[in-house]
Protein backbone atom coordinates (compact mmCIF):
# COMPACT_ATOMS: atom_id res chain seq x y z
CA MET A 1 4.47 -14.86 21.47
CA LEU A 2 3.50 -13.56 24.87
CA MET A 3 0.08 -12.67 23.61
CA LEU A 4 -0.54 -16.40 23.93
CA GLY A 5 0.28 -16.15 27.64
CA ASP A 6 3.42 -18.28 27.63
CA GLU A 7 5.66 -16.95 30.37
CA THR A 8 8.22 -19.62 29.50
CA VAL A 9 8.94 -17.78 26.26
CA MET A 10 9.65 -14.60 28.21
CA ASN A 11 11.92 -16.48 30.58
CA TRP A 12 14.01 -17.83 27.68
CA LEU A 13 14.15 -14.81 25.39
CA ALA A 14 14.13 -11.79 27.73
CA TRP A 15 17.11 -9.50 28.29
CA PRO A 16 19.52 -10.96 30.88
CA ALA A 17 17.96 -10.52 34.31
CA ASP A 18 21.24 -11.00 36.19
CA SER A 19 24.89 -11.93 35.67
CA SER A 20 24.09 -15.65 35.57
CA GLN A 21 22.39 -15.04 32.20
CA TYR A 22 25.07 -12.85 30.60
CA PHE A 23 26.63 -15.77 28.74
CA GLN A 24 23.30 -16.78 27.24
CA VAL A 25 24.25 -14.59 24.29
CA TRP A 26 20.94 -14.93 22.43
CA ARG A 27 19.34 -12.81 25.17
CA TRP A 28 21.25 -9.74 23.98
CA VAL A 29 19.02 -9.61 20.86
CA SER A 30 16.16 -12.11 21.32
CA HIS A 31 14.06 -9.64 23.30
CA ALA A 32 13.33 -8.04 19.91
CA PHE A 33 11.23 -11.10 19.01
CA LEU A 34 8.97 -10.80 22.06
CA HIS A 35 5.69 -8.99 21.46
CA PHE A 36 2.78 -8.49 23.82
CA SER A 37 -0.17 -8.06 21.48
CA ALA A 38 -1.17 -8.61 17.88
CA VAL A 39 -1.19 -4.84 17.26
CA HIS A 40 2.33 -4.59 18.72
CA ILE A 41 3.82 -7.15 16.35
CA ILE A 42 1.80 -6.00 13.31
CA PHE A 43 2.86 -2.37 13.78
CA ASN A 44 6.53 -3.33 14.17
CA LEU A 45 6.48 -5.74 11.22
CA MET A 46 4.86 -3.13 9.00
CA TRP A 47 7.77 -0.75 9.65
CA TRP A 48 10.31 -3.60 9.32
CA TRP A 49 8.85 -4.48 5.92
CA TYR A 50 8.79 -0.85 4.72
CA LEU A 51 12.20 0.26 6.00
CA GLY A 52 14.10 -3.01 6.24
CA GLY A 53 12.96 -3.91 2.74
CA GLN A 54 14.61 -0.79 1.36
CA VAL A 55 17.86 -1.46 3.20
CA GLU A 56 17.96 -5.11 2.13
CA LYS A 57 17.11 -4.37 -1.50
CA ARG A 58 19.59 -1.50 -1.95
CA LEU A 59 22.36 -2.23 0.56
CA GLY A 60 22.06 -5.98 1.12
CA ALA A 61 20.98 -8.40 3.80
CA GLY A 62 24.31 -7.98 5.58
CA LYS A 63 23.69 -4.28 6.19
CA LEU A 64 20.16 -4.99 7.42
CA LEU A 65 21.48 -7.67 9.78
CA GLN A 66 24.20 -5.31 11.03
CA ILE A 67 21.68 -2.57 11.82
CA ALA A 68 19.27 -5.05 13.42
CA LEU A 69 21.87 -6.69 15.67
CA VAL A 70 23.55 -3.46 16.79
CA ALA A 71 20.20 -1.77 17.38
CA ALA A 72 18.71 -4.75 19.24
CA PHE A 73 21.71 -4.92 21.54
CA MET A 74 22.03 -1.19 22.19
CA SER A 75 18.31 -0.47 22.52
CA GLY A 76 17.92 -3.48 24.80
CA TRP A 77 20.76 -2.29 26.99
CA ALA A 78 19.27 1.20 27.18
CA GLN A 79 15.79 -0.11 28.02
CA SER A 80 17.18 -2.45 30.69
CA LEU A 81 18.51 0.61 32.53
CA PHE A 82 14.90 1.82 32.91
CA SER A 83 12.84 -1.34 33.29
CA GLY A 84 15.13 -4.23 34.11
CA SER A 85 14.68 -7.28 31.91
CA ASN A 86 10.90 -7.15 31.50
CA PHE A 87 10.45 -5.71 28.02
CA GLY A 88 10.25 -6.87 24.45
CA GLY A 89 9.57 -5.80 20.94
CA LEU A 90 11.24 -4.81 17.71
CA SER A 91 10.63 -1.09 18.26
CA GLY A 92 14.24 -0.22 19.09
CA VAL A 93 15.34 -1.81 15.83
CA VAL A 94 12.49 -0.11 13.97
CA TYR A 95 13.49 3.30 15.31
CA ALA A 96 17.10 2.56 14.29
CA LEU A 97 15.88 1.78 10.78
CA MET A 98 13.84 4.99 10.77
CA GLY A 99 16.87 7.06 11.73
CA TYR A 100 19.15 5.21 9.33
CA VAL A 101 16.89 5.35 6.28
CA TRP A 102 15.86 8.96 6.88
CA TRP A 103 19.40 10.30 7.39
CA CYS A 104 20.83 8.35 4.44
CA GLY A 105 17.99 9.61 2.26
CA GLU A 106 18.72 13.19 3.32
CA ARG A 107 22.52 13.10 3.18
CA ALA A 108 23.37 10.35 0.70
CA PRO A 109 20.42 9.95 -1.69
CA GLN A 110 22.64 7.98 -4.07
CA MET A 111 22.32 5.09 -1.60
CA GLY A 112 18.76 4.72 -2.87
CA ILE A 113 16.91 4.57 0.45
CA ASN A 114 14.67 7.22 1.94
CA MET A 115 11.93 7.98 4.39
CA PRO A 116 9.74 11.01 3.71
CA ARG A 117 10.25 13.86 6.16
CA GLY A 118 6.58 13.80 7.10
CA LEU A 119 6.88 10.19 8.24
CA MET A 120 9.97 11.06 10.24
CA VAL A 121 8.13 13.93 11.91
CA PHE A 122 5.25 11.56 12.71
CA SER A 123 7.70 9.02 14.15
CA VAL A 124 9.32 11.60 16.42
CA LEU A 125 5.89 12.85 17.54
CA TRP A 126 4.92 9.22 18.26
CA LEU A 127 8.09 8.86 20.33
CA VAL A 128 7.21 12.01 22.30
CA ALA A 129 3.62 10.80 22.77
CA GLY A 130 4.95 7.52 24.18
CA HIS A 131 7.25 9.37 26.53
CA PHE A 132 4.37 11.37 28.00
CA ASP A 133 2.03 8.34 28.05
CA TRP A 134 -0.66 10.11 26.03
CA PHE A 135 -2.20 6.84 24.90
CA GLY A 136 -2.12 4.95 28.19
CA MET A 137 0.05 2.09 26.94
CA SER A 138 3.34 0.73 28.19
CA VAL A 139 6.10 2.01 25.92
CA ALA A 140 9.82 1.16 25.90
CA ASN A 141 10.98 4.77 25.67
CA GLY A 142 14.62 3.94 26.38
CA ALA A 143 14.69 1.43 23.53
CA HIS A 144 12.98 3.84 21.13
CA ILE A 145 15.33 6.74 21.84
CA ALA A 146 18.44 4.53 21.82
CA GLY A 147 17.35 2.88 18.58
CA LEU A 148 16.81 6.23 16.88
CA VAL A 149 20.20 7.53 18.04
CA ILE A 150 21.98 4.33 16.95
CA GLY A 151 20.32 4.45 13.53
CA LEU A 152 21.27 8.09 13.07
CA LEU A 153 24.88 7.43 14.12
CA MET A 154 25.20 4.44 11.78
CA ALA A 155 23.68 6.47 8.95
CA PHE A 156 25.96 9.43 9.64
CA TRP A 157 28.96 7.10 9.37
CA ASP A 158 27.75 5.35 6.21
CA ALA A 159 26.57 8.53 4.47
CA HIS A 160 29.86 10.27 5.27
CA HIS A 161 31.89 7.38 3.86
CA GLN A 162 29.56 7.05 0.87
CA ARG A 163 30.16 10.69 -0.04
CA LYS A 164 33.93 10.33 0.41
CA THR A 165 34.12 7.32 -1.91
CA SER A 166 31.88 8.86 -4.57
CA ALA A 167 33.70 12.22 -4.52
């Protein structure tokens, strides 16, 4: 969206900039739809398709929506602590999906979702690379880390309860 240069879109969809925008509830998740380049949105959508597709197919659209909404809110909140309201992208949700799918695959394979360990290692290395600015691009590190932690926590909960019910 912003790759087209429309600042109005940013003004309407960005994380709440101040308390006057707190009741514009769409802002708590709509920042995930903002992207700043074609590569940015393509990369995020590729992961959404790969990981979100597994979750939707095996666990349902409701579970995918739950992960997406919780991760968008929590990763947005975390990122706002570092950069204010000027950020966007689906990366926090993508990292939540990475954590969720990987942990469930490791601890509750009967759920039928998985992410190969090598891809998880790559994802964590990518997160570290972003933190140290090795590629010279602006990266929402707070959103990435928060998303990964949220995904892992949600997966821990679901995998634990999955094992209890199947035992």
